[in-house]
Amino acid sequence: MGKKAAMGVDRARQVLAQEAARIIVEQGIRDYRVAKTKAAERLGMRERGALPGNNEIEQALGAHLQLFGRESHLDLLRVLRRAALSAMQLLDAFAPRLVGPVLNGTAAANSAIDLHVFADNLEAVALTLDRHRVPYRLFETRLKSRRNRPESYSGLRFMHEDAAVEATVFPLVGVRQAPISPIDGKPMQRANERKVRKLLDEETIG
């Protein structure tokens, strides 16, 4: 491939990543693969080589949120992180960790607060929500371990301070090793209550 052709492919990937980011924000799609497939169809770009990686979409998403409503986005992050901290306090017995868009700063208005909690069984977490009279629904998700093996996990989805929360339940030993991020193939970043509180304090100072 010549230099000019390579530049064309790079540009195509960039445009597609930007369109995928816009779709994620506007339609609330959380699956990057679905978003870039929709973007490719919308732009008529079906060549596999032009499809951006998840990390490219993540970067485009961050840029989109900065460009279109920086202040309102920062306000949204504060609201979601405060709600996340409150939800973590509710589930304090299960060593909650914040992960995903609310932690890394790419959350949109329709983003859920993603928590990892650790318990002997899902029923223990459900009982805590029952005691606080918090309605919930069960869900299943698949995540990859460090050995790159997909595994199924159960979770509870509920509303807290007007925000959607998805708490995925891991075994107690799961606190030692985060699953693999579909964005960059590295262990997911996790934040405990202290780190989330620090994020909020830094935002207040800023």
N, C-alpha and C. Protein backbone atom coordinates (compact mmCIF):
# COMPACT_ATOMS: atom_id res chain seq x y z
N MET A 1 0.85 -1.20 0.00
CA MET A 1 0.00 0.00 0.00
C MET A 1 0.89 1.25 0.00
N GLY A 2 0.62 2.16 -0.91
CA GLY A 2 1.39 3.39 -0.98
C GLY A 2 1.06 4.32 0.16
N LYS A 3 1.91 5.35 0.30
CA LYS A 3 1.74 6.30 1.40
C LYS A 3 0.40 7.01 1.30
N LYS A 4 0.02 7.39 0.08
CA LYS A 4 -1.23 8.12 -0.10
C LYS A 4 -2.43 7.24 0.25
N ALA A 5 -2.36 5.97 -0.17
CA ALA A 5 -3.45 5.04 0.13
C ALA A 5 -3.55 4.79 1.63
N ALA A 6 -2.39 4.68 2.28
CA ALA A 6 -2.37 4.45 3.72
C ALA A 6 -2.98 5.63 4.46
N MET A 7 -2.68 6.84 3.98
CA MET A 7 -3.26 8.03 4.60
C MET A 7 -4.77 8.04 4.43
N GLY A 8 -5.22 7.54 3.28
CA GLY A 8 -6.66 7.48 3.03
C GLY A 8 -7.35 6.53 3.99
N VAL A 9 -6.71 5.38 4.24
CA VAL A 9 -7.26 4.41 5.18
C VAL A 9 -7.30 4.98 6.58
N ASP A 10 -6.22 5.65 6.99
CA ASP A 10 -6.16 6.27 8.32
C ASP A 10 -7.27 7.31 8.49
N ARG A 11 -7.48 8.10 7.44
CA ARG A 11 -8.51 9.13 7.50
C ARG A 11 -9.89 8.48 7.60
N ALA A 12 -10.08 7.40 6.83
CA ALA A 12 -11.36 6.69 6.86
C ALA A 12 -11.63 6.13 8.26
N ARG A 13 -10.60 5.57 8.89
CA ARG A 13 -10.75 5.05 10.25
C ARG A 13 -11.11 6.16 11.24
N GLN A 14 -10.48 7.32 11.05
CA GLN A 14 -10.75 8.45 11.94
C GLN A 14 -12.19 8.93 11.79
N VAL A 15 -12.64 9.07 10.56
CA VAL A 15 -14.02 9.52 10.30
C VAL A 15 -15.01 8.52 10.87
N LEU A 16 -14.72 7.23 10.67
CA LEU A 16 -15.63 6.20 11.16
C LEU A 16 -15.67 6.19 12.69
N ALA A 17 -14.51 6.39 13.32
CA ALA A 17 -14.46 6.44 14.78
C ALA A 17 -15.27 7.63 15.31
N GLN A 18 -15.18 8.75 14.64
CA GLN A 18 -15.94 9.94 15.05
C GLN A 18 -17.44 9.70 14.93
N GLU A 19 -17.84 9.04 13.84
CA GLU A 19 -19.26 8.74 13.65
C GLU A 19 -19.74 7.73 14.69
N ALA A 20 -18.91 6.74 14.99
CA ALA A 20 -19.27 5.75 16.02
C ALA A 20 -19.43 6.44 17.38
N ALA A 21 -18.55 7.39 17.68
CA ALA A 21 -18.64 8.12 18.94
C ALA A 21 -19.95 8.90 19.01
N ARG A 22 -20.32 9.52 17.90
CA ARG A 22 -21.57 10.29 17.88
C ARG A 22 -22.77 9.37 18.11
N ILE A 23 -22.74 8.19 17.52
CA ILE A 23 -23.83 7.22 17.68
C ILE A 23 -23.91 6.75 19.13
N ILE A 24 -22.77 6.52 19.75
CA ILE A 24 -22.74 6.09 21.15
C ILE A 24 -23.40 7.12 22.04
N VAL A 25 -23.06 8.39 21.82
CA VAL A 25 -23.61 9.46 22.65
C VAL A 25 -25.09 9.67 22.39
N GLU A 26 -25.49 9.68 21.13
CA GLU A 26 -26.87 10.02 20.79
C GLU A 26 -27.83 8.86 20.99
N GLN A 27 -27.36 7.63 20.76
CA GLN A 27 -28.26 6.48 20.83
C GLN A 27 -28.07 5.64 22.09
N GLY A 28 -27.06 5.97 22.88
CA GLY A 28 -26.85 5.23 24.11
C GLY A 28 -26.35 3.81 23.91
N ILE A 29 -25.70 3.57 22.78
CA ILE A 29 -25.16 2.23 22.51
C ILE A 29 -23.88 2.04 23.32
N ARG A 30 -23.78 0.92 24.02
CA ARG A 30 -22.61 0.68 24.87
C ARG A 30 -21.62 -0.27 24.21
N ASP A 31 -22.08 -1.04 23.24
CA ASP A 31 -21.22 -2.00 22.56
C ASP A 31 -20.50 -1.30 21.41
N TYR A 32 -19.19 -1.15 21.52
CA TYR A 32 -18.42 -0.44 20.50
C TYR A 32 -18.50 -1.15 19.16
N ARG A 33 -18.56 -2.46 19.15
CA ARG A 33 -18.64 -3.20 17.89
C ARG A 33 -19.93 -2.85 17.16
N VAL A 34 -21.03 -2.78 17.89
CA VAL A 34 -22.31 -2.41 17.29
C VAL A 34 -22.25 -0.98 16.78
N ALA A 35 -21.65 -0.09 17.55
CA ALA A 35 -21.57 1.32 17.15
C ALA A 35 -20.76 1.49 15.87
N LYS A 36 -19.61 0.81 15.77
CA LYS A 36 -18.80 1.01 14.56
C LYS A 36 -19.41 0.32 13.35
N THR A 37 -20.17 -0.76 13.57
CA THR A 37 -20.88 -1.40 12.46
C THR A 37 -21.95 -0.46 11.93
N LYS A 38 -22.69 0.17 12.85
CA LYS A 38 -23.72 1.14 12.44
C LYS A 38 -23.07 2.32 11.71
N ALA A 39 -21.94 2.78 12.23
CA ALA A 39 -21.25 3.91 11.61
C ALA A 39 -20.78 3.54 10.21
N ALA A 40 -20.24 2.34 10.05
CA ALA A 40 -19.76 1.89 8.74
C ALA A 40 -20.90 1.81 7.74
N GLU A 41 -22.04 1.31 8.18
CA GLU A 41 -23.21 1.22 7.29
C GLU A 41 -23.71 2.61 6.90
N ARG A 42 -23.73 3.51 7.88
CA ARG A 42 -24.22 4.86 7.62
C ARG A 42 -23.32 5.60 6.64
N LEU A 43 -22.01 5.36 6.74
CA LEU A 43 -21.05 6.06 5.90
C LEU A 43 -20.72 5.28 4.62
N GLY A 44 -21.29 4.10 4.50
CA GLY A 44 -21.00 3.28 3.32
C GLY A 44 -19.56 2.80 3.27
N MET A 45 -18.99 2.54 4.45
CA MET A 45 -17.59 2.10 4.53
C MET A 45 -17.58 0.69 5.11
N ARG A 46 -17.55 -0.27 4.24
CA ARG A 46 -17.67 -1.66 4.69
C ARG A 46 -16.34 -2.40 4.67
N GLU A 47 -15.27 -1.74 4.19
CA GLU A 47 -13.98 -2.41 4.13
C GLU A 47 -13.47 -2.67 5.54
N ARG A 48 -13.13 -3.93 5.83
CA ARG A 48 -12.71 -4.31 7.17
C ARG A 48 -11.50 -3.51 7.62
N GLY A 49 -10.58 -3.23 6.70
CA GLY A 49 -9.37 -2.52 7.07
C GLY A 49 -9.62 -1.10 7.54
N ALA A 50 -10.79 -0.55 7.19
CA ALA A 50 -11.10 0.83 7.57
C ALA A 50 -11.76 0.91 8.94
N LEU A 51 -12.12 -0.24 9.53
CA LEU A 51 -12.79 -0.21 10.82
C LEU A 51 -11.81 0.11 11.93
N PRO A 52 -12.10 1.11 12.74
CA PRO A 52 -11.19 1.49 13.83
C PRO A 52 -11.26 0.50 14.99
N GLY A 53 -10.21 0.47 15.79
CA GLY A 53 -10.21 -0.36 16.99
C GLY A 53 -11.00 0.31 18.10
N ASN A 54 -11.33 -0.45 19.13
CA ASN A 54 -12.10 0.09 20.24
C ASN A 54 -11.38 1.25 20.92
N ASN A 55 -10.06 1.18 20.98
CA ASN A 55 -9.31 2.27 21.62
C ASN A 55 -9.41 3.55 20.80
N GLU A 56 -9.50 3.43 19.47
CA GLU A 56 -9.68 4.62 18.62
C GLU A 56 -11.06 5.24 18.84
N ILE A 57 -12.06 4.38 19.03
CA ILE A 57 -13.41 4.89 19.29
C ILE A 57 -13.45 5.56 20.66
N GLU A 58 -12.77 4.98 21.64
CA GLU A 58 -12.71 5.58 22.97
C GLU A 58 -12.11 6.99 22.91
N GLN A 59 -11.04 7.15 22.13
CA GLN A 59 -10.41 8.46 21.98
C GLN A 59 -11.34 9.44 21.28
N ALA A 60 -12.02 8.96 20.24
CA ALA A 60 -12.96 9.82 19.52
C ALA A 60 -14.14 10.21 20.41
N LEU A 61 -14.55 9.30 21.26
CA LEU A 61 -15.65 9.58 22.18
C LEU A 61 -15.26 10.67 23.17
N GLY A 62 -14.06 10.56 23.71
CA GLY A 62 -13.57 11.60 24.62
C GLY A 62 -13.50 12.95 23.94
N ALA A 63 -13.01 12.97 22.70
CA ALA A 63 -12.89 14.22 21.94
C ALA A 63 -14.28 14.81 21.65
N HIS A 64 -15.23 13.94 21.32
CA HIS A 64 -16.59 14.39 21.03
C HIS A 64 -17.21 15.05 22.25
N LEU A 65 -17.06 14.43 23.40
CA LEU A 65 -17.64 14.97 24.62
C LEU A 65 -16.98 16.29 25.02
N GLN A 66 -15.69 16.41 24.75
CA GLN A 66 -14.99 17.67 25.04
C GLN A 66 -15.45 18.78 24.10
N LEU A 67 -15.65 18.42 22.84
CA LEU A 67 -15.99 19.42 21.83
C LEU A 67 -17.44 19.90 21.96
N PHE A 68 -18.35 18.96 22.22
CA PHE A 68 -19.77 19.31 22.27
C PHE A 68 -20.24 19.32 23.72
N GLY A 69 -20.06 20.45 24.37
CA GLY A 69 -20.59 20.62 25.71
C GLY A 69 -19.64 20.24 26.81
N ARG A 70 -18.44 20.81 26.80
CA ARG A 70 -17.45 20.47 27.81
C ARG A 70 -17.96 20.71 29.23
N GLU A 71 -18.52 21.89 29.49
CA GLU A 71 -18.97 22.21 30.85
C GLU A 71 -20.13 21.32 31.27
N SER A 72 -21.09 21.12 30.37
CA SER A 72 -22.23 20.27 30.72
C SER A 72 -21.78 18.83 30.93
N HIS A 73 -20.76 18.41 30.19
CA HIS A 73 -20.24 17.05 30.37
C HIS A 73 -19.56 16.91 31.72
N LEU A 74 -18.80 17.91 32.12
CA LEU A 74 -18.15 17.87 33.43
C LEU A 74 -19.20 17.86 34.55
N ASP A 75 -20.28 18.63 34.37
CA ASP A 75 -21.36 18.63 35.36
C ASP A 75 -22.00 17.23 35.44
N LEU A 76 -22.20 16.62 34.28
CA LEU A 76 -22.78 15.27 34.24
C LEU A 76 -21.88 14.28 34.97
N LEU A 77 -20.57 14.36 34.72
CA LEU A 77 -19.63 13.45 35.39
C LEU A 77 -19.71 13.60 36.90
N ARG A 78 -19.80 14.84 37.37
CA ARG A 78 -19.90 15.07 38.81
C ARG A 78 -21.15 14.40 39.38
N VAL A 79 -22.27 14.59 38.70
CA VAL A 79 -23.53 14.01 39.16
C VAL A 79 -23.44 12.49 39.20
N LEU A 80 -22.92 11.90 38.14
CA LEU A 80 -22.83 10.44 38.06
C LEU A 80 -21.83 9.89 39.08
N ARG A 81 -20.73 10.59 39.28
CA ARG A 81 -19.74 10.10 40.24
C ARG A 81 -20.24 10.23 41.67
N ARG A 82 -21.02 11.27 41.95
CA ARG A 82 -21.62 11.39 43.28
C ARG A 82 -22.62 10.25 43.50
N ALA A 83 -23.42 9.97 42.48
CA ALA A 83 -24.38 8.86 42.58
C ALA A 83 -23.64 7.53 42.72
N ALA A 84 -22.52 7.41 42.00
CA ALA A 84 -21.71 6.18 42.10
C ALA A 84 -21.19 6.00 43.51
N LEU A 85 -20.67 7.07 44.10
CA LEU A 85 -20.13 6.99 45.45
C LEU A 85 -21.24 6.60 46.44
N SER A 86 -22.42 7.16 46.27
CA SER A 86 -23.54 6.83 47.14
C SER A 86 -23.94 5.36 46.99
N ALA A 87 -23.97 4.89 45.74
CA ALA A 87 -24.31 3.48 45.50
C ALA A 87 -23.24 2.56 46.08
N MET A 88 -21.98 2.98 46.01
CA MET A 88 -20.89 2.18 46.58
C MET A 88 -21.03 2.12 48.10
N GLN A 89 -21.47 3.20 48.71
CA GLN A 89 -21.69 3.20 50.16
C GLN A 89 -22.85 2.27 50.52
N LEU A 90 -23.86 2.23 49.67
CA LEU A 90 -24.98 1.32 49.87
C LEU A 90 -24.51 -0.14 49.86
N LEU A 91 -23.56 -0.43 48.98
CA LEU A 91 -23.06 -1.80 48.82
C LEU A 91 -21.67 -1.97 49.44
N ASP A 92 -21.42 -1.18 50.47
CA ASP A 92 -20.09 -1.13 51.08
C ASP A 92 -19.60 -2.50 51.56
N ALA A 93 -20.50 -3.37 51.97
CA ALA A 93 -20.12 -4.68 52.49
C ALA A 93 -19.49 -5.58 51.43
N PHE A 94 -19.59 -5.16 50.16
CA PHE A 94 -19.12 -6.02 49.07
C PHE A 94 -17.95 -5.41 48.31
N ALA A 95 -17.17 -4.58 49.00
CA ALA A 95 -15.95 -3.98 48.44
C ALA A 95 -16.16 -3.44 47.02
N PRO A 96 -17.14 -2.57 46.80
CA PRO A 96 -17.47 -2.11 45.45
C PRO A 96 -16.32 -1.35 44.78
N ARG A 97 -16.22 -1.53 43.48
CA ARG A 97 -15.26 -0.82 42.65
C ARG A 97 -15.99 -0.20 41.47
N LEU A 98 -15.70 1.06 41.18
CA LEU A 98 -16.26 1.74 40.01
C LEU A 98 -15.40 1.43 38.80
N VAL A 99 -16.05 1.12 37.68
CA VAL A 99 -15.34 0.84 36.43
C VAL A 99 -16.08 1.55 35.29
N GLY A 100 -15.51 1.52 34.11
CA GLY A 100 -16.23 1.96 32.92
C GLY A 100 -16.27 3.47 32.69
N PRO A 101 -17.23 3.92 31.89
CA PRO A 101 -17.29 5.31 31.43
C PRO A 101 -17.37 6.35 32.54
N VAL A 102 -18.09 6.06 33.63
CA VAL A 102 -18.20 7.05 34.71
C VAL A 102 -16.84 7.25 35.37
N LEU A 103 -16.04 6.21 35.42
CA LEU A 103 -14.70 6.34 36.00
C LEU A 103 -13.74 7.02 35.03
N ASN A 104 -13.73 6.57 33.76
CA ASN A 104 -12.72 7.10 32.83
C ASN A 104 -13.10 8.42 32.16
N GLY A 105 -14.32 8.91 32.44
CA GLY A 105 -14.69 10.23 31.95
C GLY A 105 -15.36 10.28 30.60
N THR A 106 -15.77 9.12 30.05
CA THR A 106 -16.43 9.12 28.74
C THR A 106 -17.93 8.86 28.87
N ALA A 107 -18.49 9.03 30.05
CA ALA A 107 -19.92 8.78 30.26
C ALA A 107 -20.76 9.83 29.54
N ALA A 108 -21.86 9.38 28.96
CA ALA A 108 -22.84 10.27 28.35
C ALA A 108 -24.09 10.27 29.22
N ALA A 109 -25.09 11.04 28.83
CA ALA A 109 -26.29 11.20 29.65
C ALA A 109 -26.99 9.87 29.91
N ASN A 110 -26.87 8.93 28.96
CA ASN A 110 -27.57 7.66 29.11
C ASN A 110 -26.66 6.55 29.63
N SER A 111 -25.48 6.89 30.10
CA SER A 111 -24.55 5.87 30.60
C SER A 111 -24.98 5.36 31.97
N ALA A 112 -24.78 4.06 32.17
CA ALA A 112 -25.03 3.47 33.48
C ALA A 112 -23.77 3.57 34.33
N ILE A 113 -23.95 3.53 35.62
CA ILE A 113 -22.83 3.45 36.56
C ILE A 113 -22.46 1.97 36.70
N ASP A 114 -21.26 1.62 36.28
CA ASP A 114 -20.82 0.22 36.33
C ASP A 114 -20.02 -0.02 37.60
N LEU A 115 -20.51 -0.96 38.41
CA LEU A 115 -19.81 -1.35 39.62
C LEU A 115 -19.44 -2.82 39.58
N HIS A 116 -18.30 -3.15 40.14
CA HIS A 116 -17.93 -4.54 40.42
C HIS A 116 -18.05 -4.73 41.92
N VAL A 117 -18.80 -5.74 42.33
CA VAL A 117 -18.93 -6.06 43.75
C VAL A 117 -18.53 -7.52 43.97
N PHE A 118 -18.17 -7.86 45.21
CA PHE A 118 -17.56 -9.16 45.49
C PHE A 118 -18.27 -9.83 46.65
N ALA A 119 -18.79 -11.02 46.40
CA ALA A 119 -19.60 -11.72 47.39
C ALA A 119 -19.55 -13.22 47.15
N ASP A 120 -19.93 -13.98 48.18
CA ASP A 120 -20.01 -15.43 48.03
C ASP A 120 -21.07 -15.83 47.01
N ASN A 121 -22.12 -15.02 46.93
CA ASN A 121 -23.18 -15.30 45.98
C ASN A 121 -23.99 -14.04 45.71
N LEU A 122 -24.71 -14.06 44.62
CA LEU A 122 -25.51 -12.91 44.20
C LEU A 122 -26.62 -12.61 45.20
N GLU A 123 -27.14 -13.65 45.85
CA GLU A 123 -28.25 -13.47 46.78
C GLU A 123 -27.89 -12.54 47.93
N ALA A 124 -26.63 -12.57 48.35
CA ALA A 124 -26.21 -11.70 49.46
C ALA A 124 -26.33 -10.23 49.06
N VAL A 125 -25.96 -9.90 47.82
CA VAL A 125 -26.07 -8.53 47.34
C VAL A 125 -27.54 -8.16 47.17
N ALA A 126 -28.33 -9.08 46.63
CA ALA A 126 -29.76 -8.83 46.44
C ALA A 126 -30.45 -8.57 47.77
N LEU A 127 -30.04 -9.30 48.81
CA LEU A 127 -30.65 -9.13 50.13
C LEU A 127 -30.40 -7.72 50.67
N THR A 128 -29.21 -7.18 50.42
CA THR A 128 -28.91 -5.81 50.85
C THR A 128 -29.84 -4.82 50.16
N LEU A 129 -30.05 -4.99 48.85
CA LEU A 129 -30.97 -4.10 48.13
C LEU A 129 -32.39 -4.27 48.66
N ASP A 130 -32.78 -5.51 48.95
CA ASP A 130 -34.12 -5.75 49.50
C ASP A 130 -34.30 -5.03 50.83
N ARG A 131 -33.28 -5.07 51.68
CA ARG A 131 -33.38 -4.43 52.99
C ARG A 131 -33.57 -2.93 52.86
N HIS A 132 -32.99 -2.35 51.79
CA HIS A 132 -33.12 -0.91 51.56
C HIS A 132 -34.30 -0.59 50.62
N ARG A 133 -35.09 -1.62 50.33
CA ARG A 133 -36.27 -1.47 49.48
C ARG A 133 -35.92 -0.86 48.12
N VAL A 134 -34.85 -1.37 47.56
CA VAL A 134 -34.42 -0.93 46.23
C VAL A 134 -34.81 -2.00 45.21
N PRO A 135 -35.73 -1.70 44.30
CA PRO A 135 -36.11 -2.69 43.27
C PRO A 135 -34.92 -2.93 42.32
N TYR A 136 -34.81 -4.14 41.83
CA TYR A 136 -33.70 -4.46 40.93
C TYR A 136 -34.13 -5.51 39.92
N ARG A 137 -33.34 -5.61 38.88
CA ARG A 137 -33.51 -6.67 37.88
C ARG A 137 -32.18 -7.38 37.72
N LEU A 138 -32.23 -8.65 37.41
CA LEU A 138 -31.02 -9.43 37.21
C LEU A 138 -30.55 -9.32 35.77
N PHE A 139 -29.25 -9.42 35.56
CA PHE A 139 -28.72 -9.46 34.21
C PHE A 139 -27.50 -10.37 34.17
N GLU A 140 -27.11 -10.75 32.98
CA GLU A 140 -25.92 -11.58 32.77
C GLU A 140 -24.98 -10.85 31.83
N THR A 141 -23.70 -10.98 32.07
CA THR A 141 -22.71 -10.37 31.18
C THR A 141 -21.54 -11.32 31.03
N ARG A 142 -20.80 -11.18 29.95
CA ARG A 142 -19.63 -12.03 29.71
C ARG A 142 -18.38 -11.14 29.66
N LEU A 143 -17.38 -11.52 30.41
CA LEU A 143 -16.14 -10.78 30.47
C LEU A 143 -14.97 -11.75 30.34
N LYS A 144 -13.87 -11.25 29.84
CA LYS A 144 -12.70 -12.09 29.67
C LYS A 144 -11.77 -12.00 30.87
N SER A 145 -11.25 -13.15 31.29
CA SER A 145 -10.26 -13.19 32.35
C SER A 145 -8.89 -12.91 31.76
N ARG A 146 -7.89 -12.84 32.61
CA ARG A 146 -6.52 -12.60 32.13
C ARG A 146 -6.09 -13.68 31.14
N ARG A 147 -6.60 -14.88 31.31
CA ARG A 147 -6.25 -15.98 30.39
C ARG A 147 -7.05 -15.90 29.09
N ASN A 148 -7.77 -14.77 28.93
CA ASN A 148 -8.50 -14.50 27.71
C ASN A 148 -9.67 -15.46 27.49
N ARG A 149 -10.18 -15.98 28.58
CA ARG A 149 -11.32 -16.89 28.49
C ARG A 149 -12.59 -16.15 28.89
N PRO A 150 -13.60 -16.12 28.01
CA PRO A 150 -14.85 -15.46 28.37
C PRO A 150 -15.54 -16.22 29.50
N GLU A 151 -16.03 -15.49 30.48
CA GLU A 151 -16.75 -16.09 31.60
C GLU A 151 -18.03 -15.30 31.82
N SER A 152 -19.07 -15.99 32.28
CA SER A 152 -20.35 -15.35 32.53
C SER A 152 -20.45 -14.91 33.99
N TYR A 153 -21.01 -13.72 34.19
CA TYR A 153 -21.22 -13.19 35.53
C TYR A 153 -22.65 -12.66 35.64
N SER A 154 -23.22 -12.80 36.82
CA SER A 154 -24.55 -12.27 37.07
C SER A 154 -24.43 -10.90 37.72
N GLY A 155 -25.46 -10.10 37.60
CA GLY A 155 -25.44 -8.78 38.20
C GLY A 155 -26.84 -8.29 38.51
N LEU A 156 -26.89 -7.14 39.16
CA LEU A 156 -28.17 -6.52 39.52
C LEU A 156 -28.20 -5.11 38.97
N ARG A 157 -29.30 -4.79 38.32
CA ARG A 157 -29.48 -3.47 37.72
C ARG A 157 -30.56 -2.74 38.51
N PHE A 158 -30.25 -1.52 38.97
CA PHE A 158 -31.22 -0.77 39.76
C PHE A 158 -30.98 0.72 39.58
N MET A 159 -31.94 1.52 40.03
CA MET A 159 -31.84 2.97 39.96
C MET A 159 -31.40 3.49 41.32
N HIS A 160 -30.51 4.48 41.28
CA HIS A 160 -30.05 5.09 42.53
C HIS A 160 -29.76 6.56 42.26
N GLU A 161 -30.43 7.44 42.99
CA GLU A 161 -30.30 8.89 42.79
C GLU A 161 -30.49 9.27 41.31
N ASP A 162 -31.53 8.70 40.73
CA ASP A 162 -31.92 8.98 39.34
C ASP A 162 -30.90 8.50 38.31
N ALA A 163 -29.99 7.64 38.71
CA ALA A 163 -29.00 7.09 37.78
C ALA A 163 -29.13 5.57 37.73
N ALA A 164 -28.92 5.01 36.56
CA ALA A 164 -28.95 3.55 36.42
C ALA A 164 -27.62 2.98 36.91
N VAL A 165 -27.71 1.95 37.73
CA VAL A 165 -26.52 1.29 38.26
C VAL A 165 -26.54 -0.17 37.84
N GLU A 166 -25.41 -0.67 37.38
CA GLU A 166 -25.27 -2.09 37.04
C GLU A 166 -24.14 -2.65 37.89
N ALA A 167 -24.50 -3.48 38.86
CA ALA A 167 -23.52 -4.05 39.77
C ALA A 167 -23.27 -5.51 39.39
N THR A 168 -22.11 -5.77 38.82
CA THR A 168 -21.73 -7.13 38.43
C THR A 168 -21.09 -7.82 39.63
N VAL A 169 -21.55 -9.03 39.93
CA VAL A 169 -21.11 -9.75 41.12
C VAL A 169 -20.00 -10.74 40.76
N PHE A 170 -18.85 -10.57 41.42
CA PHE A 170 -17.70 -11.45 41.25
C PHE A 170 -17.49 -12.26 42.53
N PRO A 171 -16.82 -13.41 42.43
CA PRO A 171 -16.46 -14.13 43.66
C PRO A 171 -15.48 -13.29 44.48
N LEU A 172 -15.34 -13.60 45.75
CA LEU A 172 -14.51 -12.80 46.63
C LEU A 172 -13.08 -12.65 46.12
N VAL A 173 -12.53 -13.72 45.54
CA VAL A 173 -11.14 -13.66 45.05
C VAL A 173 -11.01 -12.77 43.82
N GLY A 174 -12.15 -12.41 43.20
CA GLY A 174 -12.12 -11.59 41.99
C GLY A 174 -11.63 -10.18 42.22
N VAL A 175 -11.56 -9.76 43.49
CA VAL A 175 -11.09 -8.41 43.78
C VAL A 175 -9.61 -8.27 43.46
N ARG A 176 -8.90 -9.39 43.38
CA ARG A 176 -7.46 -9.35 43.15
C ARG A 176 -7.10 -9.17 41.68
N GLN A 177 -7.99 -9.55 40.78
CA GLN A 177 -7.65 -9.49 39.37
C GLN A 177 -8.85 -8.99 38.56
N ALA A 178 -8.72 -7.83 37.96
CA ALA A 178 -9.80 -7.27 37.14
C ALA A 178 -9.90 -8.01 35.82
N PRO A 179 -11.11 -8.13 35.28
CA PRO A 179 -11.25 -8.73 33.94
C PRO A 179 -10.63 -7.85 32.88
N ILE A 180 -10.51 -8.40 31.69
CA ILE A 180 -9.88 -7.69 30.58
C ILE A 180 -10.84 -6.68 29.96
N SER A 181 -10.35 -5.47 29.75
CA SER A 181 -11.15 -4.44 29.11
C SER A 181 -11.29 -4.72 27.61
N PRO A 182 -12.51 -4.62 27.08
CA PRO A 182 -12.68 -4.78 25.63
C PRO A 182 -12.14 -3.58 24.85
N ILE A 183 -11.77 -2.53 25.55
CA ILE A 183 -11.28 -1.33 24.88
C ILE A 183 -9.82 -1.47 24.49
N ASP A 184 -8.97 -1.84 25.45
CA ASP A 184 -7.53 -1.88 25.16
C ASP A 184 -6.87 -3.22 25.45
N GLY A 185 -7.67 -4.21 25.86
CA GLY A 185 -7.11 -5.54 26.12
C GLY A 185 -6.30 -5.64 27.39
N LYS A 186 -6.35 -4.61 28.23
CA LYS A 186 -5.63 -4.62 29.51
C LYS A 186 -6.63 -4.83 30.65
N PRO A 187 -6.14 -5.18 31.84
CA PRO A 187 -7.08 -5.30 32.97
C PRO A 187 -7.85 -4.00 33.18
N MET A 188 -9.15 -4.12 33.43
CA MET A 188 -9.99 -2.94 33.62
C MET A 188 -9.49 -2.09 34.79
N GLN A 189 -9.54 -0.80 34.63
CA GLN A 189 -9.26 0.09 35.74
C GLN A 189 -10.42 0.04 36.72
N ARG A 190 -10.09 -0.07 37.99
CA ARG A 190 -11.11 -0.09 39.05
C ARG A 190 -10.77 0.97 40.08
N ALA A 191 -11.81 1.56 40.67
CA ALA A 191 -11.59 2.58 41.70
C ALA A 191 -12.45 2.26 42.91
N ASN A 192 -11.83 2.26 44.08
CA ASN A 192 -12.60 2.07 45.30
C ASN A 192 -13.21 3.40 45.75
N GLU A 193 -13.91 3.37 46.88
CA GLU A 193 -14.59 4.59 47.34
C GLU A 193 -13.60 5.74 47.54
N ARG A 194 -12.44 5.43 48.10
CA ARG A 194 -11.46 6.49 48.36
C ARG A 194 -11.03 7.17 47.07
N LYS A 195 -10.81 6.39 46.01
CA LYS A 195 -10.37 6.96 44.74
C LYS A 195 -11.49 7.78 44.08
N VAL A 196 -12.72 7.31 44.20
CA VAL A 196 -13.84 8.06 43.62
C VAL A 196 -14.03 9.38 44.37
N ARG A 197 -13.89 9.32 45.69
CA ARG A 197 -14.00 10.54 46.48
C ARG A 197 -12.90 11.54 46.09
N LYS A 198 -11.71 11.02 45.83
CA LYS A 198 -10.59 11.87 45.42
C LYS A 198 -10.88 12.52 44.07
N LEU A 199 -11.48 11.76 43.14
CA LEU A 199 -11.86 12.33 41.84
C LEU A 199 -12.82 13.50 42.04
N LEU A 200 -13.79 13.32 42.91
CA LEU A 200 -14.77 14.37 43.15
C LEU A 200 -14.11 15.58 43.81
N ASP A 201 -13.19 15.35 44.73
CA ASP A 201 -12.49 16.46 45.37
C ASP A 201 -11.65 17.25 44.35
N GLU A 202 -11.01 16.54 43.44
CA GLU A 202 -10.19 17.20 42.41
C GLU A 202 -11.08 18.02 41.48
N GLU A 203 -12.26 17.52 41.16
CA GLU A 203 -13.18 18.27 40.30
C GLU A 203 -13.66 19.55 40.98
N THR A 204 -13.88 19.45 42.29
CA THR A 204 -14.33 20.63 43.05
C THR A 204 -13.24 21.70 43.07
N ILE A 205 -12.00 21.24 43.27
CA ILE A 205 -10.86 22.18 43.27
C ILE A 205 -10.69 22.81 41.90
N GLY A 206 -10.84 21.94 40.85
CA GLY A 206 -10.67 22.44 39.49
C GLY A 206 -11.71 23.46 39.12
